[in-house]
Amino acid sequence: MCFLPYDPGVFNGLLGFEQDLIDLRAEANYWKAMHARACERESRWKQRAHELEAALGEREGHLSKLSKENEELKAKLAWLQQQLFGRKSEKKKGSPDSGSSEAPSETSSPPEAGTRKRRKRGKQRGAKGRGRKHHEELETEVIIHDLEEGKKCCPTCGKPFLLFPGTEDSQEIHWEVRLVRRIHKRPRYVPDCDCRAVPGIVTAPPPPKVIPKGLFSTGFWVRVVLEKFLFQRPLYRVCKALELEGLSVSQGTLTGGLRRLGELLQPLYAGILQRCRGANHWHMDETRWMVFSDVEGKIGHRWWLWVAVTTDTCVFVLDPTRSANVPKTILGEDPEGIISADRYGVYKSLGGKILVAFCWAHVRRDFLRVEREYGKLKCWADGWVERIRDLYRLNAQRLAAPRNSKEFRREQRKLREAIARMRAAWKSELRDPALHPAARKTLVCLRRHWKGLTIFVDHPEIPMDNNEAERRLRNPVVGRKNYYGSGSVWSGALAAVLFTIIQTALRNNLDPQRYLQAYFEACAQNGGEPPRDLEAFLPWNLSEEKRASWRYPKRPP
């Protein structure tokens, strides 16, 4: 074994190197610890950054959702404001057919070349007047207004005036409502012979009444019927009006009389319904009608008043449901034809040989609602409203031409081309992924009903809209607002019967007052029962003489 000699310098150098190594190792451990802490902080900050990014994305999604909800709420608010305070007319302010009297502003652009400016409705400023109407068709009462005796002479010399030929005439229209108490006196006779062939007292038969032994005349009941079911005045108001004329009658008395009249009118209603079933085109619609009577199996008091309009009938049916059974009942067994209706699903389920022509007015309302509720879609909605307006214009031009003429075929071709362009437009817009949800929903609805909306193209006799049914429902709706509906099931059925008879008479240009007067007089002649010859009172069976005498409005001779 070899031992090196001890050298203090070397030994101290080794100790110094060892200490440096220890220091370096400590420093390395320190920096390793600092690196680990830095990596841990980096990991924590990365995780925090990811969390913040996720929160930001979630916040952006939430803000987007809130923005969408805000837009929908604004649209709903605009709809509610329109329902409460808005104009019910769908005509735009300032449009050519709106009837607005506002003059165009100086900054407005002039009409395009080749376009004809439509004149305003009504009498034009500066046009020659037609003069005051004399109404010579009315019953005339002549009243003489002469000078007082003291004024028929000269105030100076006292010499009397001479009568000059002619008179100074003026007229006024007087409206007089009178209640008359009629006393029918029938002289009594006693036979003065001994053969006794005629025993007892002999008198003329009593005057016939629509309600035998009733107090009121046939004309009185006709007026009550028209007040309630044409002018839509509640019975209590009718009683108040009678009180102003000096007659005090209870509402129950009038109610009982109307119930009795309903039995007499049922056969006439059945005849009109049968005529309606024989048609091949119907306008159909429905509206709510309250019946304040508890019915087994029926929850609540909301019933439905249905209407079916043909060329010469207008049938109303009151039913507690809004199901497809009601139009099936109206149309009868195995119907065949076309129904003009709105987009209610019941009409689509009829099937069979029934086609449903949907209403373009409802489609137009969809675009007007989008325009009103979503301001940024105004230009888009205006474009579609203009397209629909062009369809109405082209269809009117087609119908104005003689059928099967060259002009008719030309207008038919223009209409088909406009329909094709409209179809291409909604197909193209639906393929756009950036299309607004409200606009997409409207166009999807248009696409779903497109087949029914274009039936009028191949059937020129079918209107583009269902306005006829909606117009016929206006009168009952006024009654619903005035007296809320019916107090019992029988009174609701009576309302449907009388709405049918009165509106059918108006549909055939008949005066409902004269029509009902003649029918009730026939019932009175038959002892308070429906007339035996019921067919003679159906409007389409009337003679030309009766139709002329019952014409409404009555034309001056």
Protein backbone atom coordinates (compact mmCIF):
# COMPACT_ATOMS: atom_id res chain seq x y z
CA MET A 1 0.00 0.00 0.00
CA CYS A 2 1.33 3.37 -0.97
CA PHE A 3 0.64 6.56 1.02
CA LEU A 4 1.07 9.95 -0.53
CA PRO A 5 2.64 12.57 1.52
CA TYR A 6 0.26 15.02 3.23
CA ASP A 7 0.07 18.33 1.43
CA PRO A 8 -2.05 21.00 3.18
CA GLY A 9 -2.51 23.06 0.02
CA VAL A 10 -3.89 20.18 -1.93
CA PHE A 11 -6.05 19.17 0.96
CA ASN A 12 -7.50 22.66 1.27
CA GLY A 13 -8.07 22.82 -2.48
CA LEU A 14 -10.04 19.59 -2.34
CA LEU A 15 -12.11 20.92 0.49
CA GLY A 16 -12.79 24.08 -1.54
CA PHE A 17 -13.89 22.06 -4.57
CA GLU A 18 -16.18 19.96 -2.40
CA GLN A 19 -17.73 23.07 -0.90
CA ASP A 20 -18.24 24.56 -4.38
CA LEU A 21 -19.85 21.30 -5.45
CA ILE A 22 -22.16 21.44 -2.46
CA ASP A 23 -23.02 25.05 -3.22
CA LEU A 24 -23.65 24.27 -6.86
CA ARG A 25 -25.83 21.31 -5.93
CA ALA A 26 -27.78 23.51 -3.49
CA GLU A 27 -28.16 26.19 -6.13
CA ALA A 28 -29.26 23.58 -8.67
CA ASN A 29 -31.80 22.23 -6.20
CA TYR A 30 -32.99 25.79 -5.62
CA TRP A 31 -33.46 26.45 -9.31
CA LYS A 32 -35.10 23.08 -9.77
CA ALA A 33 -37.54 24.03 -7.01
CA MET A 34 -38.08 27.44 -8.58
CA HIS A 35 -38.61 25.78 -11.98
CA ALA A 36 -41.12 23.37 -10.45
CA ARG A 37 -42.95 26.27 -8.80
CA ALA A 38 -42.88 28.21 -12.09
CA CYS A 39 -44.24 25.18 -13.95
CA GLU A 40 -46.92 24.79 -11.30
CA ARG A 41 -47.82 28.49 -11.60
CA GLU A 42 -47.82 28.17 -15.38
CA SER A 43 -50.11 25.17 -15.12
CA ARG A 44 -52.38 27.05 -12.74
CA TRP A 45 -52.49 30.13 -15.02
CA LYS A 46 -53.09 27.97 -18.08
CA GLN A 47 -55.94 26.27 -16.25
CA ARG A 48 -57.24 29.68 -15.17
CA ALA A 49 -56.96 30.92 -18.76
CA HIS A 50 -58.94 27.91 -19.96
CA GLU A 51 -61.52 28.55 -17.27
CA LEU A 52 -61.76 32.22 -18.24
CA GLU A 53 -62.06 31.30 -21.92
CA ALA A 54 -64.81 28.83 -21.08
CA ALA A 55 -66.55 31.40 -18.89
CA LEU A 56 -66.19 33.99 -21.64
CA GLY A 57 -67.65 31.58 -24.19
CA GLU A 58 -70.46 30.73 -21.81
CA ARG A 59 -71.04 34.43 -21.17
CA GLU A 60 -71.08 35.13 -24.88
CA GLY A 61 -73.55 32.29 -25.37
CA HIS A 62 -75.63 33.64 -22.51
CA LEU A 63 -75.47 37.15 -23.97
CA SER A 64 -76.47 35.75 -27.36
CA LYS A 65 -79.36 33.89 -25.72
CA LEU A 66 -80.39 37.02 -23.82
CA SER A 67 -80.18 39.05 -27.02
CA LYS A 68 -82.40 36.54 -28.79
CA GLU A 69 -84.86 36.49 -25.90
CA ASN A 70 -84.84 40.29 -25.86
CA GLU A 71 -85.62 40.36 -29.58
CA GLU A 72 -88.45 37.86 -29.09
CA LEU A 73 -89.85 39.86 -26.16
CA LYS A 74 -89.73 43.06 -28.21
CA ALA A 75 -91.61 41.26 -30.97
CA LYS A 76 -94.19 40.00 -28.48
CA LEU A 77 -94.53 43.49 -27.01
CA ALA A 78 -95.07 44.93 -30.49
CA TRP A 79 -97.74 42.27 -31.12
CA LEU A 80 -99.51 43.03 -27.84
CA GLN A 81 -99.42 46.77 -28.51
CA GLN A 82 -100.88 46.15 -31.95
CA GLN A 83 -103.66 44.02 -30.45
CA LEU A 84 -104.52 46.61 -27.82
CA PHE A 85 -103.89 49.95 -29.49
CA GLY A 86 -103.08 49.31 -33.16
CA ARG A 87 -105.19 49.78 -36.25
CA LYS A 88 -107.03 46.64 -37.27
CA SER A 89 -106.81 47.48 -40.95
CA GLU A 90 -103.91 45.82 -42.73
CA LYS A 91 -103.55 48.61 -45.25
CA LYS A 92 -100.31 50.50 -44.91
CA LYS A 93 -100.34 54.21 -44.24
CA GLY A 94 -99.67 56.13 -47.40
CA SER A 95 -100.18 53.14 -49.71
CA PRO A 96 -102.26 53.69 -52.85
CA ASP A 97 -105.14 51.63 -51.46
CA SER A 98 -105.04 52.89 -47.91
CA GLY A 99 -107.37 55.80 -48.47
CA SER A 100 -104.90 58.20 -46.79
CA SER A 101 -105.50 61.86 -47.57
CA GLU A 102 -101.94 62.92 -46.82
CA ALA A 103 -100.26 64.73 -49.68
CA PRO A 104 -96.83 63.48 -50.76
CA SER A 105 -93.94 65.43 -49.27
CA GLU A 106 -91.63 67.58 -51.37
CA THR A 107 -88.75 65.23 -50.67
CA SER A 108 -90.60 62.14 -51.81
CA SER A 109 -89.47 60.67 -55.09
CA PRO A 110 -91.76 61.06 -58.10
CA PRO A 111 -93.60 58.01 -59.42
CA GLU A 112 -91.62 55.86 -61.78
CA ALA A 113 -92.15 56.26 -65.50
CA GLY A 114 -94.89 54.07 -66.87
CA THR A 115 -96.72 53.75 -63.52
CA ARG A 116 -100.17 55.21 -63.14
CA LYS A 117 -100.86 57.12 -59.95
CA ARG A 118 -104.05 55.81 -58.35
CA ARG A 119 -106.52 58.48 -57.40
CA LYS A 120 -107.81 58.84 -53.87
CA ARG A 121 -111.05 57.22 -52.90
CA GLY A 122 -114.28 59.18 -52.65
CA LYS A 123 -115.39 62.48 -54.14
CA GLN A 124 -112.51 64.39 -55.71
CA ARG A 125 -111.84 68.02 -54.87
CA GLY A 126 -113.32 70.33 -57.50
CA ALA A 127 -115.63 67.68 -58.97
CA LYS A 128 -119.18 68.74 -59.81
CA GLY A 129 -121.69 67.66 -57.18
CA ARG A 130 -124.78 65.60 -57.89
CA GLY A 131 -127.12 67.71 -55.81
CA ARG A 132 -129.21 66.76 -52.82
CA LYS A 133 -131.24 63.56 -53.11
CA HIS A 134 -135.00 63.97 -52.86
CA HIS A 135 -135.78 60.38 -51.73
CA GLU A 136 -139.05 60.28 -53.60
CA GLU A 137 -139.33 56.57 -52.83
CA LEU A 138 -140.28 57.38 -49.21
CA GLU A 139 -143.83 57.94 -48.04
CA THR A 140 -144.52 61.65 -48.33
CA GLU A 141 -146.46 63.84 -45.93
CA VAL A 142 -147.32 67.36 -47.12
CA ILE A 143 -147.48 70.05 -44.44
CA ILE A 144 -148.84 73.51 -45.32
CA HIS A 145 -147.21 76.51 -43.64
CA ASP A 146 -149.39 79.55 -44.39
CA LEU A 147 -149.01 83.16 -43.30
CA GLU A 148 -150.90 84.32 -40.28
CA GLU A 149 -154.15 86.19 -41.07
CA GLY A 150 -152.72 89.53 -39.95
CA LYS A 151 -149.72 89.17 -42.26
CA LYS A 152 -151.67 88.48 -45.47
CA CYS A 153 -152.11 92.22 -46.22
CA CYS A 154 -149.96 95.30 -46.78
CA PRO A 155 -148.79 96.70 -43.43
CA THR A 156 -149.27 100.31 -44.72
CA CYS A 157 -152.55 100.45 -46.61
CA GLY A 158 -154.06 97.19 -45.36
CA LYS A 159 -154.90 95.94 -48.86
CA PRO A 160 -154.87 92.09 -48.90
CA PHE A 161 -152.20 90.14 -50.84
CA LEU A 162 -153.13 88.18 -53.95
CA LEU A 163 -152.42 84.42 -54.02
CA PHE A 164 -149.46 83.77 -56.35
CA PRO A 165 -149.34 80.44 -58.22
CA GLY A 166 -147.00 77.82 -56.82
CA THR A 167 -145.37 77.31 -53.43
CA GLU A 168 -141.93 77.61 -51.91
CA ASP A 169 -140.97 74.01 -51.09
CA SER A 170 -138.35 72.48 -48.82
CA GLN A 171 -138.01 68.96 -47.49
CA GLU A 172 -136.77 67.12 -44.43
CA ILE A 173 -136.46 63.44 -43.58
CA HIS A 174 -138.31 62.56 -40.39
CA TRP A 175 -137.71 59.34 -38.46
CA GLU A 176 -140.71 58.36 -36.41
CA VAL A 177 -140.96 55.27 -34.18
CA ARG A 178 -144.46 54.48 -33.01
CA LEU A 179 -146.00 51.81 -30.87
CA VAL A 180 -149.69 51.30 -31.68
CA ARG A 181 -152.25 49.43 -29.59
CA ARG A 182 -154.59 47.75 -32.02
CA ILE A 183 -158.05 46.71 -30.88
CA HIS A 184 -159.68 44.22 -33.20
CA LYS A 185 -163.47 44.56 -32.86
CA ARG A 186 -165.54 41.80 -34.41
CA PRO A 187 -169.29 42.44 -34.64
CA ARG A 188 -171.41 39.66 -33.22
CA TYR A 189 -174.42 38.23 -34.98
CA VAL A 190 -177.32 36.09 -33.74
CA PRO A 191 -179.42 34.09 -36.23
CA ASP A 192 -183.04 35.27 -36.43
CA CYS A 193 -184.51 32.09 -37.89
CA ASP A 194 -186.24 29.03 -36.49
CA CYS A 195 -184.27 26.39 -38.40
CA ARG A 196 -181.45 26.52 -35.88
CA ALA A 197 -178.85 25.61 -38.49
CA VAL A 198 -176.45 28.15 -36.97
CA PRO A 199 -176.61 27.94 -33.20
CA GLY A 200 -175.15 30.62 -30.95
CA ILE A 201 -173.38 33.87 -31.73
CA VAL A 202 -171.50 34.30 -35.02
CA THR A 203 -168.40 36.53 -35.39
CA ALA A 204 -165.54 36.91 -37.81
CA PRO A 205 -162.49 34.75 -37.06
CA PRO A 206 -159.80 36.39 -34.93
CA PRO A 207 -156.77 37.84 -36.79
CA PRO A 208 -154.01 35.25 -37.22
CA LYS A 209 -150.91 35.62 -35.04
CA VAL A 210 -147.54 34.00 -35.32
CA ILE A 211 -147.86 33.11 -31.61
CA PRO A 212 -151.53 32.21 -31.09
CA LYS A 213 -153.17 34.10 -28.22
CA GLY A 214 -150.04 36.19 -27.90
CA LEU A 215 -150.10 39.89 -27.14
CA PHE A 216 -147.76 41.08 -29.88
CA SER A 217 -148.24 41.29 -33.63
CA THR A 218 -146.18 39.63 -36.31
CA GLY A 219 -144.48 42.92 -37.18
CA PHE A 220 -143.55 43.42 -33.53
CA TRP A 221 -141.76 40.07 -33.39
CA VAL A 222 -139.98 40.73 -36.68
CA ARG A 223 -138.64 43.96 -35.21
CA VAL A 224 -137.49 42.24 -32.02
CA VAL A 225 -135.69 39.56 -34.06
CA LEU A 226 -133.88 42.16 -36.16
CA GLU A 227 -132.95 44.25 -33.13
CA LYS A 228 -131.31 41.26 -31.46
CA PHE A 229 -129.83 39.25 -34.33
CA LEU A 230 -129.15 41.85 -37.02
CA PHE A 231 -128.50 45.07 -35.10
CA GLN A 232 -127.04 43.08 -32.17
CA ARG A 233 -128.79 44.96 -29.38
CA PRO A 234 -129.21 43.10 -26.08
CA LEU A 235 -132.82 42.41 -25.09
CA TYR A 236 -132.58 44.60 -22.03
CA ARG A 237 -131.71 47.54 -24.29
CA VAL A 238 -134.66 46.68 -26.51
CA CYS A 239 -136.87 46.79 -23.40
CA LYS A 240 -135.41 50.21 -22.51
CA ALA A 241 -136.10 51.46 -26.03
CA LEU A 242 -139.70 50.26 -25.75
CA GLU A 243 -140.03 52.05 -22.41
CA LEU A 244 -139.03 55.31 -24.10
CA GLU A 245 -142.01 54.81 -26.42
CA GLY A 246 -144.36 54.11 -23.50
CA LEU A 247 -144.45 50.28 -23.45
CA SER A 248 -143.26 48.43 -20.37
CA VAL A 249 -142.49 44.78 -21.17
CA SER A 250 -140.36 42.32 -19.25
CA GLN A 251 -137.29 40.73 -20.79
CA GLY A 252 -138.65 37.29 -19.91
CA THR A 253 -141.71 37.88 -22.10
CA LEU A 254 -139.53 38.63 -25.11
CA THR A 255 -137.28 35.66 -24.32
CA GLY A 256 -140.22 33.28 -24.21
CA GLY A 257 -141.54 34.60 -27.50
CA LEU A 258 -138.17 34.17 -29.21
CA ARG A 259 -137.98 30.58 -28.00
CA ARG A 260 -141.35 29.89 -29.59
CA LEU A 261 -140.25 31.55 -32.84
CA GLY A 262 -137.17 29.34 -32.93
CA GLU A 263 -139.38 26.28 -33.31
CA LEU A 264 -141.06 27.86 -36.34
CA LEU A 265 -137.75 28.72 -37.97
CA GLN A 266 -136.14 25.28 -37.68
CA PRO A 267 -137.59 23.92 -40.99
CA LEU A 268 -136.38 27.01 -42.85
CA TYR A 269 -132.91 26.55 -41.33
CA ALA A 270 -132.90 22.88 -42.38
CA GLY A 271 -133.75 23.86 -45.96
CA ILE A 272 -130.89 26.35 -46.10
CA LEU A 273 -128.48 23.76 -44.65
CA GLN A 274 -129.55 21.22 -47.25
CA ARG A 275 -128.90 23.75 -50.00
CA CYS A 276 -125.45 24.47 -48.55
CA ARG A 277 -124.53 20.78 -48.67
CA GLY A 278 -125.26 20.65 -52.38
CA ALA A 279 -122.63 23.28 -53.25
CA ASN A 280 -119.11 22.56 -54.50
CA HIS A 281 -117.32 25.54 -52.96
CA TRP A 282 -117.55 26.80 -49.39
CA HIS A 283 -115.95 29.60 -47.42
CA MET A 284 -115.53 28.30 -43.86
CA ASP A 285 -114.36 29.88 -40.62
CA GLU A 286 -115.12 29.77 -36.90
CA THR A 287 -115.05 32.08 -33.89
CA ARG A 288 -115.65 31.66 -30.18
CA TRP A 289 -119.13 32.07 -28.76
CA MET A 290 -119.90 31.98 -25.04
CA VAL A 291 -122.78 29.83 -23.79
CA PHE A 292 -123.28 30.45 -20.08
CA SER A 293 -124.84 27.09 -19.29
CA ASP A 294 -123.30 24.01 -17.72
CA VAL A 295 -123.32 21.02 -20.07
CA GLU A 296 -122.35 17.52 -19.03
CA GLY A 297 -118.89 16.67 -20.33
CA LYS A 298 -118.13 20.29 -21.26
CA ILE A 299 -115.56 22.25 -19.23
CA GLY A 300 -116.02 25.99 -19.34
CA HIS A 301 -118.44 28.11 -21.34
CA ARG A 302 -116.49 28.62 -24.56
CA TRP A 303 -118.31 27.24 -27.57
CA TRP A 304 -117.58 27.76 -31.26
CA LEU A 305 -119.71 29.44 -33.91
CA TRP A 306 -118.93 27.99 -37.35
CA VAL A 307 -119.92 29.55 -40.67
CA ALA A 308 -120.09 28.08 -44.18
CA VAL A 309 -120.77 30.50 -47.05
CA THR A 310 -121.75 29.48 -50.59
CA THR A 311 -123.02 31.50 -53.53
CA ASP A 312 -126.57 31.73 -52.10
CA THR A 313 -126.40 30.44 -48.50
CA CYS A 314 -124.72 31.39 -45.25
CA VAL A 315 -125.02 28.66 -42.60
CA PHE A 316 -124.05 29.08 -38.95
CA VAL A 317 -123.59 26.13 -36.59
CA LEU A 318 -122.96 26.40 -32.85
CA ASP A 319 -120.97 23.54 -31.33
CA PRO A 320 -119.17 23.02 -28.01
CA THR A 321 -116.07 21.74 -29.82
CA ARG A 322 -113.69 22.89 -32.50
CA SER A 323 -113.20 19.43 -33.95
CA ALA A 324 -113.41 18.14 -37.51
CA ASN A 325 -116.84 16.66 -36.80
CA VAL A 326 -118.44 20.09 -37.19
CA PRO A 327 -117.41 20.79 -40.82
CA LYS A 328 -118.20 17.15 -41.61
CA THR A 329 -121.71 17.70 -40.24
CA ILE A 330 -122.13 20.89 -42.26
CA LEU A 331 -120.93 19.32 -45.52
CA GLY A 332 -122.91 16.11 -45.11
CA GLU A 333 -122.00 12.66 -46.38
CA ASP A 334 -119.42 12.21 -49.14
CA PRO A 335 -118.90 15.90 -50.00
CA GLU A 336 -116.92 16.91 -53.05
CA GLY A 337 -115.52 20.36 -53.74
CA ILE A 338 -113.15 23.07 -52.51
CA ILE A 339 -113.11 24.79 -49.12
CA SER A 340 -111.62 28.26 -48.77
CA ALA A 341 -110.33 28.45 -45.21
CA ASP A 342 -107.51 29.55 -42.98
CA ARG A 343 -104.67 27.23 -41.94
CA TYR A 344 -106.50 25.57 -39.05
CA GLY A 345 -105.60 21.87 -39.02
CA VAL A 346 -109.20 20.66 -38.90
CA TYR A 347 -109.78 21.57 -42.54
CA LYS A 348 -106.66 19.69 -43.61
CA SER A 349 -107.97 16.50 -41.97
CA LEU A 350 -111.21 16.34 -43.97
CA GLY A 351 -109.58 14.38 -46.79
CA GLY A 352 -111.70 12.51 -49.30
CA LYS A 353 -112.74 14.59 -52.30
CA ILE A 354 -112.26 17.87 -50.46
CA LEU A 355 -109.51 20.31 -51.44
CA VAL A 356 -108.57 23.16 -49.12
CA ALA A 357 -107.68 26.51 -50.69
CA PHE A 358 -105.74 28.45 -48.09
CA CYS A 359 -106.09 32.18 -47.61
CA TRP A 360 -103.46 34.55 -49.02
CA ALA A 361 -104.65 37.30 -46.67
CA HIS A 362 -103.40 35.20 -43.73
CA VAL A 363 -100.02 34.74 -45.45
CA ARG A 364 -99.81 38.49 -45.98
CA ARG A 365 -100.55 39.04 -42.29
CA ASP A 366 -97.56 36.83 -41.42
CA PHE A 367 -95.19 39.14 -43.31
CA LEU A 368 -96.85 42.26 -41.93
CA ARG A 369 -96.42 40.89 -38.41
CA VAL A 370 -92.72 40.20 -39.03
CA GLU A 371 -92.32 43.72 -40.38
CA ARG A 372 -94.04 45.20 -37.33
CA GLU A 373 -92.22 43.09 -34.72
CA TYR A 374 -88.70 42.89 -36.21
CA GLY A 375 -87.49 46.25 -37.45
CA LYS A 376 -84.40 44.90 -39.22
CA LEU A 377 -86.60 42.62 -41.35
CA LYS A 378 -88.74 45.47 -42.67
CA CYS A 379 -87.23 45.55 -46.17
CA TRP A 380 -87.41 41.77 -46.43
CA ALA A 381 -91.07 41.68 -45.36
CA ASP A 382 -91.97 44.61 -47.65
CA GLY A 383 -90.60 42.68 -50.60
CA TRP A 384 -92.83 39.71 -49.88
CA VAL A 385 -95.89 41.90 -49.30
CA GLU A 386 -95.22 43.46 -52.69
CA ARG A 387 -95.03 40.00 -54.29
CA ILE A 388 -98.41 39.07 -52.79
CA ARG A 389 -99.88 42.37 -53.98
CA ASP A 390 -98.70 41.53 -57.51
CA LEU A 391 -100.50 38.18 -57.29
CA TYR A 392 -103.76 39.91 -56.36
CA ARG A 393 -103.31 42.38 -59.22
CA LEU A 394 -102.55 39.69 -61.79
CA ASN A 395 -105.48 37.56 -60.62
CA ALA A 396 -107.84 40.54 -60.87
CA GLN A 397 -106.64 41.23 -64.41
CA ARG A 398 -107.19 37.58 -65.32
CA LEU A 399 -110.75 37.58 -63.94
CA ALA A 400 -111.56 40.81 -65.76
CA ALA A 401 -110.85 39.15 -69.13
CA PRO A 402 -113.51 37.01 -70.87
CA ARG A 403 -113.06 33.34 -69.98
CA ASN A 404 -111.15 31.25 -72.57
CA SER A 405 -110.21 34.34 -74.56
CA LYS A 406 -106.70 35.18 -75.77
CA GLU A 407 -106.46 37.93 -73.17
CA PHE A 408 -107.47 35.50 -70.42
CA ARG A 409 -104.78 33.01 -71.47
CA ARG A 410 -102.18 35.78 -71.56
CA GLU A 411 -103.05 36.91 -68.03
CA GLN A 412 -103.10 33.28 -66.90
CA ARG A 413 -99.56 32.85 -68.20
CA LYS A 414 -98.38 35.98 -66.36
CA LEU A 415 -99.93 34.68 -63.15
CA ARG A 416 -98.21 31.31 -63.47
CA GLU A 417 -94.87 33.01 -64.07
CA ALA A 418 -95.33 35.15 -60.94
CA ILE A 419 -96.17 32.02 -58.92
CA ALA A 420 -93.04 30.28 -60.25
CA ARG A 421 -90.85 33.28 -59.34
CA MET A 422 -92.30 33.37 -55.84
CA ARG A 423 -91.67 29.66 -55.37
CA ALA A 424 -88.06 30.02 -56.52
CA ALA A 425 -87.63 32.95 -54.11
CA TRP A 426 -88.71 31.13 -50.97
CA LYS A 427 -86.73 28.04 -51.93
CA SER A 428 -83.60 30.13 -52.39
CA GLU A 429 -84.05 32.01 -49.12
CA LEU A 430 -84.67 28.84 -47.12
CA ARG A 431 -81.28 27.50 -48.26
CA ASP A 432 -79.55 30.50 -46.66
CA PRO A 433 -78.14 29.41 -43.24
CA ALA A 434 -77.98 33.06 -42.09
CA LEU A 435 -81.72 33.59 -42.53
CA HIS A 436 -83.36 35.13 -39.46
CA PRO A 437 -85.40 32.59 -37.42
CA ALA A 438 -88.58 34.68 -37.70
CA ALA A 439 -88.20 34.91 -41.47
CA ARG A 440 -87.43 31.21 -41.71
CA LYS A 441 -90.51 30.31 -39.68
CA THR A 442 -92.71 32.42 -41.98
CA LEU A 443 -91.28 30.89 -45.15
CA VAL A 444 -91.55 27.35 -43.77
CA CYS A 445 -95.24 28.00 -43.12
CA LEU A 446 -95.56 29.30 -46.69
CA ARG A 447 -93.87 26.17 -48.04
CA ARG A 448 -96.09 23.87 -45.96
CA HIS A 449 -99.30 25.38 -47.38
CA TRP A 450 -98.05 26.10 -50.90
CA LYS A 451 -100.19 23.46 -52.61
CA GLY A 452 -103.41 24.82 -51.11
CA LEU A 453 -102.37 28.42 -51.71
CA THR A 454 -102.00 27.86 -55.46
CA ILE A 455 -105.34 26.12 -56.09
CA PHE A 456 -106.80 29.39 -57.36
CA VAL A 457 -104.39 29.32 -60.31
CA ASP A 458 -106.08 26.28 -61.89
CA HIS A 459 -109.53 27.22 -60.56
CA PRO A 460 -110.23 30.88 -61.44
CA GLU A 461 -113.63 30.70 -59.72
CA ILE A 462 -111.90 30.24 -56.33
CA PRO A 463 -110.95 33.52 -54.56
CA MET A 464 -107.44 34.04 -53.27
CA ASP A 465 -108.62 34.67 -49.71
CA ASN A 466 -111.31 33.73 -47.22
CA ASN A 467 -112.55 37.27 -46.61
CA GLU A 468 -116.17 36.36 -47.37
CA ALA A 469 -116.42 34.06 -44.33
CA GLU A 470 -114.69 36.59 -42.09
CA ARG A 471 -117.10 39.33 -43.21
CA ARG A 472 -120.10 37.14 -42.38
CA LEU A 473 -118.71 36.56 -38.89
CA ARG A 474 -118.39 40.28 -38.18
CA ASN A 475 -122.06 40.73 -37.35
CA PRO A 476 -122.18 37.91 -34.74
CA VAL A 477 -118.89 39.16 -33.28
CA VAL A 478 -120.52 42.54 -32.66
CA GLY A 479 -123.28 40.69 -30.80
CA ARG A 480 -120.69 38.82 -28.77
CA LYS A 481 -119.18 42.13 -27.71
CA ASN A 482 -122.57 43.61 -26.86
CA TYR A 483 -124.17 40.75 -24.94
CA TYR A 484 -121.24 38.32 -24.48
CA GLY A 485 -122.98 35.30 -26.02
CA SER A 486 -125.97 33.17 -25.03
CA GLY A 487 -127.39 32.36 -21.62
CA SER A 488 -128.53 28.82 -22.49
CA VAL A 489 -128.04 26.13 -25.09
CA TRP A 490 -131.43 26.75 -26.76
CA SER A 491 -130.75 30.49 -27.08
CA GLY A 492 -127.35 29.74 -28.65
CA ALA A 493 -129.02 27.42 -31.16
CA LEU A 494 -131.62 30.14 -31.87
CA ALA A 495 -128.82 32.63 -32.51
CA ALA A 496 -127.24 30.26 -35.07
CA VAL A 497 -130.62 29.75 -36.77
CA LEU A 498 -131.41 33.46 -37.05
CA PHE A 499 -127.88 34.39 -38.08
CA THR A 500 -128.28 31.83 -40.87
CA ILE A 501 -131.67 33.07 -42.08
CA ILE A 502 -130.83 36.78 -41.91
CA GLN A 503 -127.40 36.48 -43.55
CA THR A 504 -128.77 34.14 -46.23
CA ALA A 505 -131.42 36.73 -47.04
CA LEU A 506 -128.76 39.42 -47.31
CA ARG A 507 -126.62 37.06 -49.39
CA ASN A 508 -129.49 36.91 -51.89
CA ASN A 509 -130.09 40.70 -51.79
CA LEU A 510 -133.37 40.28 -49.89
CA ASP A 511 -134.70 42.62 -47.24
CA PRO A 512 -134.65 40.48 -44.06
CA GLN A 513 -137.51 42.50 -42.57
CA ARG A 514 -139.89 41.86 -45.47
CA TYR A 515 -138.66 38.27 -45.77
CA LEU A 516 -139.30 37.41 -42.12
CA GLN A 517 -142.58 39.32 -42.15
CA ALA A 518 -143.88 37.19 -45.02
CA TYR A 519 -142.67 33.96 -43.41
CA PHE A 520 -144.19 34.75 -40.00
CA GLU A 521 -147.47 35.76 -41.63
CA ALA A 522 -147.55 32.39 -43.37
CA CYS A 523 -146.92 30.71 -40.00
CA ALA A 524 -149.77 32.75 -38.50
CA GLN A 525 -152.12 31.70 -41.32
CA ASN A 526 -151.20 28.09 -40.54
CA GLY A 527 -152.23 28.39 -36.90
CA GLY A 528 -148.81 29.19 -35.47
CA GLU A 529 -147.08 26.32 -37.26
CA PRO A 530 -144.47 26.35 -40.06
CA PRO A 531 -146.05 26.92 -43.48
CA ARG A 532 -147.02 23.87 -45.48
CA ASP A 533 -145.33 25.16 -48.63
CA LEU A 534 -141.90 25.71 -47.10
CA GLU A 535 -140.06 25.44 -50.42
CA ALA A 536 -141.72 28.65 -51.61
CA PHE A 537 -139.88 30.64 -48.91
CA LEU A 538 -136.38 29.44 -49.78
CA PRO A 539 -134.60 32.41 -51.44
CA TRP A 540 -133.52 30.47 -54.56
CA ASN A 541 -137.14 29.37 -55.20
CA LEU A 542 -138.69 32.85 -55.06
CA SER A 543 -140.57 34.19 -58.03
CA GLU A 544 -139.24 37.24 -59.80
CA GLU A 545 -142.17 39.26 -58.47
CA LYS A 546 -141.42 38.39 -54.84
CA ARG A 547 -137.71 38.87 -55.35
CA ALA A 548 -138.34 42.34 -56.76
CA SER A 549 -140.70 43.33 -53.92
CA TRP A 550 -138.30 42.06 -51.22
CA ARG A 551 -135.15 43.43 -52.85
CA TYR A 552 -132.60 44.98 -50.50
CA PRO A 553 -131.79 47.75 -50.61
CA LYS A 554 -135.07 48.84 -52.09
CA ARG A 555 -134.46 50.70 -55.33
CA PRO A 556 -136.44 53.86 -56.10
CA PRO A 557 -139.06 53.43 -58.85
